[in-house]
Amino acid sequence: LVVILGATGAGKSKLSVDLGTRFPSEIINSDKIQVYEGLEITTNQITIPERRGVPHHLLGYIPPEDGELTAGDFRIAASNTISD
C-alpha cells in the first residue's frame, strides 16, 4: 500500500497515475469532498482521460443528499475497496 499525500495542487493525482501506469495498481481517493457526486469541477477531480486507464475508487459515488460521509464510513468503504 502506497500513500501519497500533500497540499492542494501539489501533483498527487498525476504522481499516482504515473505510478499506476508503471506498476499494477489501483487508486483509492481519500479526499473528503471528492467522494460526492456532482462536485467534479469544484474539487478539481481527476478526469477519466487523465486517469489513463488506471482504476480509481471512491470518487463521486455519494449523492450529496445522502448527507456527510463520516470517518467511520470512509474507513469501511476504503477497507471494502482494498479487500476487493
PDB file of N, CA and C in Angstrom:
ATOM      1  N   LEU A   1       0.857  -1.177   0.000  1.00  0.00           N
ATOM      2  CA  LEU A   1       0.000   0.000   0.000  1.00  0.00           C
ATOM      3  C   LEU A   1       0.892   1.226   0.000  1.00  0.00           C
ATOM      4  N   VAL A   2       0.728   2.077  -0.989  1.00  0.00           N
ATOM      5  CA  VAL A   2       1.474   3.330  -1.088  1.00  0.00           C
ATOM      6  C   VAL A   2       0.501   4.462  -0.819  1.00  0.00           C
ATOM      7  N   VAL A   3       0.870   5.377   0.051  1.00  0.00           N
ATOM      8  CA  VAL A   3       0.035   6.533   0.368  1.00  0.00           C
ATOM      9  C   VAL A   3       0.736   7.776  -0.164  1.00  0.00           C
ATOM     10  N   ILE A   4       0.008   8.557  -0.946  1.00  0.00           N
ATOM     11  CA  ILE A   4       0.540   9.809  -1.485  1.00  0.00           C
ATOM     12  C   ILE A   4      -0.267  10.932  -0.862  1.00  0.00           C
ATOM     13  N   LEU A   5       0.412  11.839  -0.197  1.00  0.00           N
ATOM     14  CA  LEU A   5      -0.301  12.960   0.405  1.00  0.00           C
ATOM     15  C   LEU A   5       0.469  14.240   0.186  1.00  0.00           C
ATOM     16  N   GLY A   6      -0.238  15.337   0.275  1.00  0.00           N
ATOM     17  CA  GLY A   6       0.389  16.636   0.078  1.00  0.00           C
ATOM     18  C   GLY A   6      -0.663  17.717  -0.040  1.00  0.00           C
ATOM     19  N   ALA A   7      -0.197  18.925  -0.210  1.00  0.00           N
ATOM     20  CA  ALA A   7      -1.076  20.087  -0.294  1.00  0.00           C
ATOM     21  C   ALA A   7      -1.870  20.077  -1.600  1.00  0.00           C
ATOM     22  N   THR A   8      -2.947  20.848  -1.614  1.00  0.00           N
ATOM     23  CA  THR A   8      -3.750  21.019  -2.819  1.00  0.00           C
ATOM     24  C   THR A   8      -2.864  21.542  -3.946  1.00  0.00           C
ATOM     25  N   GLY A   9      -2.997  20.935  -5.117  1.00  0.00           N
ATOM     26  CA  GLY A   9      -2.253  21.382  -6.287  1.00  0.00           C
ATOM     27  C   GLY A   9      -0.801  20.932  -6.334  1.00  0.00           C
ATOM     28  N   ALA A  10      -0.428  19.999  -5.469  1.00  0.00           N
ATOM     29  CA  ALA A  10       0.967  19.549  -5.409  1.00  0.00           C
ATOM     30  C   ALA A  10       1.307  18.498  -6.462  1.00  0.00           C
ATOM     31  N   GLY A  11       0.297  17.947  -7.145  1.00  0.00           N
ATOM     32  CA  GLY A  11       0.551  16.940  -8.176  1.00  0.00           C
ATOM     33  C   GLY A  11       0.354  15.505  -7.724  1.00  0.00           C
ATOM     34  N   LYS A  12      -0.426  15.313  -6.663  1.00  0.00           N
ATOM     35  CA  LYS A  12      -0.667  13.959  -6.134  1.00  0.00           C
ATOM     36  C   LYS A  12      -1.359  13.067  -7.153  1.00  0.00           C
ATOM     37  N   SER A  13      -2.358  13.588  -7.837  1.00  0.00           N
ATOM     38  CA  SER A  13      -3.100  12.775  -8.808  1.00  0.00           C
ATOM     39  C   SER A  13      -2.204  12.352  -9.959  1.00  0.00           C
ATOM     40  N   LYS A  14      -1.418  13.283 -10.484  1.00  0.00           N
ATOM     41  CA  LYS A  14      -0.515  12.954 -11.588  1.00  0.00           C
ATOM     42  C   LYS A  14       0.498  11.901 -11.150  1.00  0.00           C
ATOM     43  N   LEU A  15       1.074  12.068  -9.972  1.00  0.00           N
ATOM     44  CA  LEU A  15       2.041  11.094  -9.473  1.00  0.00           C
ATOM     45  C   LEU A  15       1.394   9.724  -9.316  1.00  0.00           C
ATOM     46  N   SER A  16       0.179   9.691  -8.771  1.00  0.00           N
ATOM     47  CA  SER A  16      -0.483   8.398  -8.566  1.00  0.00           C
ATOM     48  C   SER A  16      -0.758   7.703  -9.897  1.00  0.00           C
ATOM     49  N   VAL A  17      -1.160   8.461 -10.909  1.00  0.00           N
ATOM     50  CA  VAL A  17      -1.404   7.867 -12.227  1.00  0.00           C
ATOM     51  C   VAL A  17      -0.086   7.434 -12.864  1.00  0.00           C
ATOM     52  N   ASP A  18       0.952   8.242 -12.726  1.00  0.00           N
ATOM     53  CA  ASP A  18       2.267   7.844 -13.255  1.00  0.00           C
ATOM     54  C   ASP A  18       2.701   6.511 -12.641  1.00  0.00           C
ATOM     55  N   LEU A  19       2.555   6.372 -11.334  1.00  0.00           N
ATOM     56  CA  LEU A  19       2.897   5.108 -10.669  1.00  0.00           C
ATOM     57  C   LEU A  19       1.973   3.980 -11.130  1.00  0.00           C
ATOM     58  N   GLY A  20       0.676   4.311 -11.266  1.00  0.00           N
ATOM     59  CA  GLY A  20      -0.307   3.313 -11.669  1.00  0.00           C
ATOM     60  C   GLY A  20      -0.107   2.775 -13.073  1.00  0.00           C
ATOM     61  N   THR A  21       0.534   3.557 -13.928  1.00  0.00           N
ATOM     62  CA  THR A  21       0.817   3.075 -15.281  1.00  0.00           C
ATOM     63  C   THR A  21       2.110   2.263 -15.333  1.00  0.00           C
ATOM     64  N   ARG A  22       2.913   2.357 -14.305  1.00  0.00           N
ATOM     65  CA  ARG A  22       4.183   1.614 -14.260  1.00  0.00           C
ATOM     66  C   ARG A  22       4.091   0.322 -13.453  1.00  0.00           C
ATOM     67  N   PHE A  23       3.194   0.297 -12.497  1.00  0.00           N
ATOM     68  CA  PHE A  23       3.030  -0.867 -11.617  1.00  0.00           C
ATOM     69  C   PHE A  23       1.561  -1.258 -11.603  1.00  0.00           C
ATOM     70  N   PRO A  24       1.244  -2.552 -11.504  1.00  0.00           N
ATOM     71  CA  PRO A  24      -0.170  -2.939 -11.417  1.00  0.00           C
ATOM     72  C   PRO A  24      -0.762  -2.388 -10.118  1.00  0.00           C
ATOM     73  N   SER A  25      -1.665  -1.449 -10.253  1.00  0.00           N
ATOM     74  CA  SER A  25      -2.227  -0.812  -9.061  1.00  0.00           C
ATOM     75  C   SER A  25      -3.566  -0.161  -9.359  1.00  0.00           C
ATOM     76  N   GLU A  26      -4.237   0.219  -8.295  1.00  0.00           N
ATOM     77  CA  GLU A  26      -5.490   0.957  -8.371  1.00  0.00           C
ATOM     78  C   GLU A  26      -5.402   2.091  -7.365  1.00  0.00           C
ATOM     79  N   ILE A  27      -6.180   3.140  -7.588  1.00  0.00           N
ATOM     80  CA  ILE A  27      -6.111   4.332  -6.749  1.00  0.00           C
ATOM     81  C   ILE A  27      -7.396   4.464  -5.945  1.00  0.00           C
ATOM     82  N   ILE A  28      -7.231   4.701  -4.655  1.00  0.00           N
ATOM     83  CA  ILE A  28      -8.368   4.927  -3.764  1.00  0.00           C
ATOM     84  C   ILE A  28      -8.326   6.383  -3.322  1.00  0.00           C
ATOM     85  N   ASN A  29      -9.333   7.138  -3.704  1.00  0.00           N
ATOM     86  CA  ASN A  29      -9.435   8.534  -3.322  1.00  0.00           C
ATOM     87  C   ASN A  29      -9.646   8.657  -1.818  1.00  0.00           C
ATOM     88  N   SER A  30      -8.994   9.651  -1.209  1.00  0.00           N
ATOM     89  CA  SER A  30      -9.244   9.914   0.211  1.00  0.00           C
ATOM     90  C   SER A  30      -9.623  11.372   0.456  1.00  0.00           C
ATOM     91  N   ASP A  31      -9.936  12.102  -0.614  1.00  0.00           N
ATOM     92  CA  ASP A  31     -10.384  13.487  -0.468  1.00  0.00           C
ATOM     93  C   ASP A  31     -11.831  13.482   0.010  1.00  0.00           C
ATOM     94  N   LYS A  32     -12.081  14.102   1.149  1.00  0.00           N
ATOM     95  CA  LYS A  32     -13.406  14.010   1.764  1.00  0.00           C
ATOM     96  C   LYS A  32     -14.507  14.715   0.970  1.00  0.00           C
ATOM     97  N   ILE A  33     -14.169  15.583   0.040  1.00  0.00           N
ATOM     98  CA  ILE A  33     -15.182  16.251  -0.777  1.00  0.00           C
ATOM     99  C   ILE A  33     -15.347  15.557  -2.129  1.00  0.00           C
ATOM    100  N   GLN A  34     -14.276  14.988  -2.674  1.00  0.00           N
ATOM    101  CA  GLN A  34     -14.359  14.330  -3.979  1.00  0.00           C
ATOM    102  C   GLN A  34     -15.196  13.059  -3.952  1.00  0.00           C
ATOM    103  N   VAL A  35     -15.596  12.594  -2.787  1.00  0.00           N
ATOM    104  CA  VAL A  35     -16.455  11.409  -2.714  1.00  0.00           C
ATOM    105  C   VAL A  35     -17.882  11.721  -3.167  1.00  0.00           C
ATOM    106  N   TYR A  36     -18.258  13.007  -3.204  1.00  0.00           N
ATOM    107  CA  TYR A  36     -19.632  13.379  -3.535  1.00  0.00           C
ATOM    108  C   TYR A  36     -19.835  13.571  -5.030  1.00  0.00           C
ATOM    109  N   GLU A  37     -20.992  13.104  -5.511  1.00  0.00           N
ATOM    110  CA  GLU A  37     -21.385  13.284  -6.914  1.00  0.00           C
ATOM    111  C   GLU A  37     -21.583  14.762  -7.217  1.00  0.00           C
ATOM    112  N   GLY A  38     -21.282  15.143  -8.449  1.00  0.00           N
ATOM    113  CA  GLY A  38     -21.606  16.479  -8.930  1.00  0.00           C
ATOM    114  C   GLY A  38     -20.636  17.575  -8.530  1.00  0.00           C
ATOM    115  N   LEU A  39     -19.535  17.232  -7.891  1.00  0.00           N
ATOM    116  CA  LEU A  39     -18.581  18.258  -7.463  1.00  0.00           C
ATOM    117  C   LEU A  39     -17.242  18.130  -8.198  1.00  0.00           C
ATOM    118  N   GLU A  40     -17.288  17.546  -9.390  1.00  0.00           N
ATOM    119  CA  GLU A  40     -16.068  17.290 -10.146  1.00  0.00           C
ATOM    120  C   GLU A  40     -15.278  18.573 -10.421  1.00  0.00           C
ATOM    121  N   ILE A  41     -15.963  19.615 -10.851  1.00  0.00           N
ATOM    122  CA  ILE A  41     -15.278  20.869 -11.169  1.00  0.00           C
ATOM    123  C   ILE A  41     -14.845  21.579  -9.892  1.00  0.00           C
ATOM    124  N   THR A  42     -15.745  21.648  -8.928  1.00  0.00           N
ATOM    125  CA  THR A  42     -15.449  22.326  -7.658  1.00  0.00           C
ATOM    126  C   THR A  42     -14.218  21.749  -6.973  1.00  0.00           C
ATOM    127  N   THR A  43     -14.064  20.433  -7.022  1.00  0.00           N
ATOM    128  CA  THR A  43     -12.956  19.769  -6.322  1.00  0.00           C
ATOM    129  C   THR A  43     -11.763  19.474  -7.231  1.00  0.00           C
ATOM    130  N   ASN A  44     -11.855  19.895  -8.505  1.00  0.00           N
ATOM    131  CA  ASN A  44     -10.791  19.620  -9.479  1.00  0.00           C
ATOM    132  C   ASN A  44     -10.482  18.121  -9.544  1.00  0.00           C
ATOM    133  N   GLN A  45     -11.561  17.336  -9.577  1.00  0.00           N
ATOM    134  CA  GLN A  45     -11.425  15.874  -9.629  1.00  0.00           C
ATOM    135  C   GLN A  45     -10.731  15.446 -10.920  1.00  0.00           C
ATOM    136  N   ILE A  46      -9.870  14.462 -10.820  1.00  0.00           N
ATOM    137  CA  ILE A  46      -9.162  13.942 -11.987  1.00  0.00           C
ATOM    138  C   ILE A  46     -10.184  13.403 -12.996  1.00  0.00           C
ATOM    139  N   THR A  47     -10.007  13.766 -14.263  1.00  0.00           N
ATOM    140  CA  THR A  47     -10.962  13.358 -15.298  1.00  0.00           C
ATOM    141  C   THR A  47     -10.669  11.932 -15.763  1.00  0.00           C
ATOM    142  N   ILE A  48     -11.632  11.351 -16.459  1.00  0.00           N
ATOM    143  CA  ILE A  48     -11.453   9.993 -16.992  1.00  0.00           C
ATOM    144  C   ILE A  48     -10.213   9.919 -17.895  1.00  0.00           C
ATOM    145  N   PRO A  49     -10.045  10.839 -18.871  1.00  0.00           N
ATOM    146  CA  PRO A  49      -8.838  10.751 -19.707  1.00  0.00           C
ATOM    147  C   PRO A  49      -7.536  10.893 -18.902  1.00  0.00           C
ATOM    148  N   GLU A  50      -7.542  11.750 -17.883  1.00  0.00           N
ATOM    149  CA  GLU A  50      -6.338  11.939 -17.064  1.00  0.00           C
ATOM    150  C   GLU A  50      -5.978  10.686 -16.260  1.00  0.00           C
ATOM    151  N   ARG A  51      -6.944   9.824 -16.042  1.00  0.00           N
ATOM    152  CA  ARG A  51      -6.694   8.593 -15.271  1.00  0.00           C
ATOM    153  C   ARG A  51      -5.891   7.574 -16.073  1.00  0.00           C
ATOM    154  N   ARG A  52      -5.851   7.735 -17.393  1.00  0.00           N
ATOM    155  CA  ARG A  52      -5.067   6.891 -18.302  1.00  0.00           C
ATOM    156  C   ARG A  52      -5.260   5.394 -18.059  1.00  0.00           C
ATOM    157  N   GLY A  53      -6.506   5.012 -17.809  1.00  0.00           N
ATOM    158  CA  GLY A  53      -6.825   3.595 -17.658  1.00  0.00           C
ATOM    159  C   GLY A  53      -6.551   3.016 -16.285  1.00  0.00           C
ATOM    160  N   VAL A  54      -6.017   3.813 -15.372  1.00  0.00           N
ATOM    161  CA  VAL A  54      -5.747   3.324 -14.016  1.00  0.00           C
ATOM    162  C   VAL A  54      -7.058   3.388 -13.227  1.00  0.00           C
ATOM    163  N   PRO A  55      -7.519   2.265 -12.680  1.00  0.00           N
ATOM    164  CA  PRO A  55      -8.782   2.274 -11.935  1.00  0.00           C
ATOM    165  C   PRO A  55      -8.725   3.201 -10.712  1.00  0.00           C
ATOM    166  N   HIS A  56      -9.772   4.000 -10.552  1.00  0.00           N
ATOM    167  CA  HIS A  56      -9.914   4.904  -9.407  1.00  0.00           C
ATOM    168  C   HIS A  56     -11.169   4.520  -8.636  1.00  0.00           C
ATOM    169  N   HIS A  57     -11.110   4.621  -7.331  1.00  0.00           N
ATOM    170  CA  HIS A  57     -12.235   4.255  -6.464  1.00  0.00           C
ATOM    171  C   HIS A  57     -12.565   5.396  -5.500  1.00  0.00           C
ATOM    172  N   LEU A  58     -13.810   5.413  -5.056  1.00  0.00           N
ATOM    173  CA  LEU A  58     -14.326   6.371  -4.072  1.00  0.00           C
ATOM    174  C   LEU A  58     -14.289   7.810  -4.583  1.00  0.00           C
ATOM    175  N   LEU A  59     -14.561   7.983  -5.865  1.00  0.00           N
ATOM    176  CA  LEU A  59     -14.687   9.307  -6.473  1.00  0.00           C
ATOM    177  C   LEU A  59     -16.127   9.504  -6.928  1.00  0.00           C
ATOM    178  N   GLY A  60     -16.776  10.550  -6.437  1.00  0.00           N
ATOM    179  CA  GLY A  60     -18.104  10.906  -6.902  1.00  0.00           C
ATOM    180  C   GLY A  60     -19.142   9.820  -6.766  1.00  0.00           C
ATOM    181  N   TYR A  61     -19.112   9.081  -5.678  1.00  0.00           N
ATOM    182  CA  TYR A  61     -20.046   7.961  -5.546  1.00  0.00           C
ATOM    183  C   TYR A  61     -21.161   8.201  -4.527  1.00  0.00           C
ATOM    184  N   ILE A  62     -21.133   9.314  -3.820  1.00  0.00           N
ATOM    185  CA  ILE A  62     -22.165   9.585  -2.812  1.00  0.00           C
ATOM    186  C   ILE A  62     -23.021  10.766  -3.263  1.00  0.00           C
ATOM    187  N   PRO A  63     -24.330  10.565  -3.402  1.00  0.00           N
ATOM    188  CA  PRO A  63     -25.199  11.703  -3.701  1.00  0.00           C
ATOM    189  C   PRO A  63     -25.173  12.679  -2.514  1.00  0.00           C
ATOM    190  N   PRO A  64     -25.016  13.983  -2.755  1.00  0.00           N
ATOM    191  CA  PRO A  64     -24.945  14.945  -1.652  1.00  0.00           C
ATOM    192  C   PRO A  64     -26.141  14.873  -0.708  1.00  0.00           C
ATOM    193  N   GLU A  65     -27.295  14.495  -1.252  1.00  0.00           N
ATOM    194  CA  GLU A  65     -28.491  14.422  -0.400  1.00  0.00           C
ATOM    195  C   GLU A  65     -28.414  13.280   0.616  1.00  0.00           C
ATOM    196  N   ASP A  66     -27.445  12.374   0.456  1.00  0.00           N
ATOM    197  CA  ASP A  66     -27.275  11.283   1.424  1.00  0.00           C
ATOM    198  C   ASP A  66     -26.600  11.744   2.709  1.00  0.00           C
ATOM    199  N   GLY A  67     -26.144  12.984   2.740  1.00  0.00           N
ATOM    200  CA  GLY A  67     -25.524  13.512   3.955  1.00  0.00           C
ATOM    201  C   GLY A  67     -24.020  13.340   3.962  1.00  0.00           C
ATOM    202  N   GLU A  68     -23.445  13.689   5.093  1.00  0.00           N
ATOM    203  CA  GLU A  68     -21.983  13.704   5.230  1.00  0.00           C
ATOM    204  C   GLU A  68     -21.403  12.313   5.416  1.00  0.00           C
ATOM    205  N   LEU A  69     -20.290  12.072   4.769  1.00  0.00           N
ATOM    206  CA  LEU A  69     -19.540  10.829   4.932  1.00  0.00           C
ATOM    207  C   LEU A  69     -18.680  10.980   6.186  1.00  0.00           C
ATOM    208  N   THR A  70     -18.872  10.108   7.150  1.00  0.00           N
ATOM    209  CA  THR A  70     -18.069  10.169   8.371  1.00  0.00           C
ATOM    210  C   THR A  70     -16.738   9.453   8.157  1.00  0.00           C
ATOM    211  N   ALA A  71     -15.814   9.673   9.070  1.00  0.00           N
ATOM    212  CA  ALA A  71     -14.528   8.974   9.006  1.00  0.00           C
ATOM    213  C   ALA A  71     -14.747   7.467   9.082  1.00  0.00           C
ATOM    214  N   GLY A  72     -15.692   7.041   9.908  1.00  0.00           N
ATOM    215  CA  GLY A  72     -16.008   5.617  10.016  1.00  0.00           C
ATOM    216  C   GLY A  72     -16.569   5.055   8.724  1.00  0.00           C
ATOM    217  N   ASP A  73     -17.444   5.827   8.074  1.00  0.00           N
ATOM    218  CA  ASP A  73     -17.996   5.403   6.780  1.00  0.00           C
ATOM    219  C   ASP A  73     -16.882   5.256   5.749  1.00  0.00           C
ATOM    220  N   PHE A  74     -15.954   6.228   5.747  1.00  0.00           N
ATOM    221  CA  PHE A  74     -14.847   6.163   4.796  1.00  0.00           C
ATOM    222  C   PHE A  74     -13.979   4.943   5.075  1.00  0.00           C
ATOM    223  N   ARG A  75     -13.698   4.677   6.340  1.00  0.00           N
ATOM    224  CA  ARG A  75     -12.866   3.528   6.699  1.00  0.00           C
ATOM    225  C   ARG A  75     -13.466   2.244   6.163  1.00  0.00           C
ATOM    226  N   ILE A  76     -14.771   2.097   6.328  1.00  0.00           N
ATOM    227  CA  ILE A  76     -15.461   0.896   5.841  1.00  0.00           C
ATOM    228  C   ILE A  76     -15.379   0.819   4.314  1.00  0.00           C
ATOM    229  N   ALA A  77     -15.682   1.934   3.640  1.00  0.00           N
ATOM    230  CA  ALA A  77     -15.655   1.949   2.171  1.00  0.00           C
ATOM    231  C   ALA A  77     -14.248   1.658   1.647  1.00  0.00           C
ATOM    232  N   ALA A  78     -13.243   2.273   2.251  1.00  0.00           N
ATOM    233  CA  ALA A  78     -11.863   2.047   1.809  1.00  0.00           C
ATOM    234  C   ALA A  78     -11.428   0.612   2.088  1.00  0.00           C
ATOM    235  N   SER A  79     -11.769   0.099   3.260  1.00  0.00           N
ATOM    236  CA  SER A  79     -11.412  -1.289   3.599  1.00  0.00           C
ATOM    237  C   SER A  79     -12.056  -2.272   2.635  1.00  0.00           C
ATOM    238  N   ASN A  80     -13.333  -2.040   2.312  1.00  0.00           N
ATOM    239  CA  ASN A  80     -14.026  -2.916   1.363  1.00  0.00           C
ATOM    240  C   ASN A  80     -13.385  -2.842  -0.019  1.00  0.00           C
ATOM    241  N   THR A  81     -12.983  -1.647  -0.430  1.00  0.00           N
ATOM    242  CA  THR A  81     -12.341  -1.478  -1.732  1.00  0.00           C
ATOM    243  C   THR A  81     -11.003  -2.202  -1.768  1.00  0.00           C
ATOM    244  N   ILE A  82     -10.230  -2.084  -0.709  1.00  0.00           N
ATOM    245  CA  ILE A  82      -8.933  -2.761  -0.640  1.00  0.00           C
ATOM    246  C   ILE A  82      -9.127  -4.273  -0.660  1.00  0.00           C
ATOM    247  N   SER A  83     -10.140  -4.765   0.047  1.00  0.00           N
ATOM    248  CA  SER A  83     -10.407  -6.210   0.095  1.00  0.00           C
ATOM    249  C   SER A  83     -10.798  -6.771  -1.265  1.00  0.00           C
ATOM    250  N   ASP A  84     -11.527  -5.951  -2.050  1.00  0.00           N
ATOM    251  CA  ASP A  84     -11.961  -6.401  -3.377  1.00  0.00           C
ATOM    252  C   ASP A  84     -10.757  -6.539  -4.267  1.00  0.00           C
TER     253      ASP A  84
END
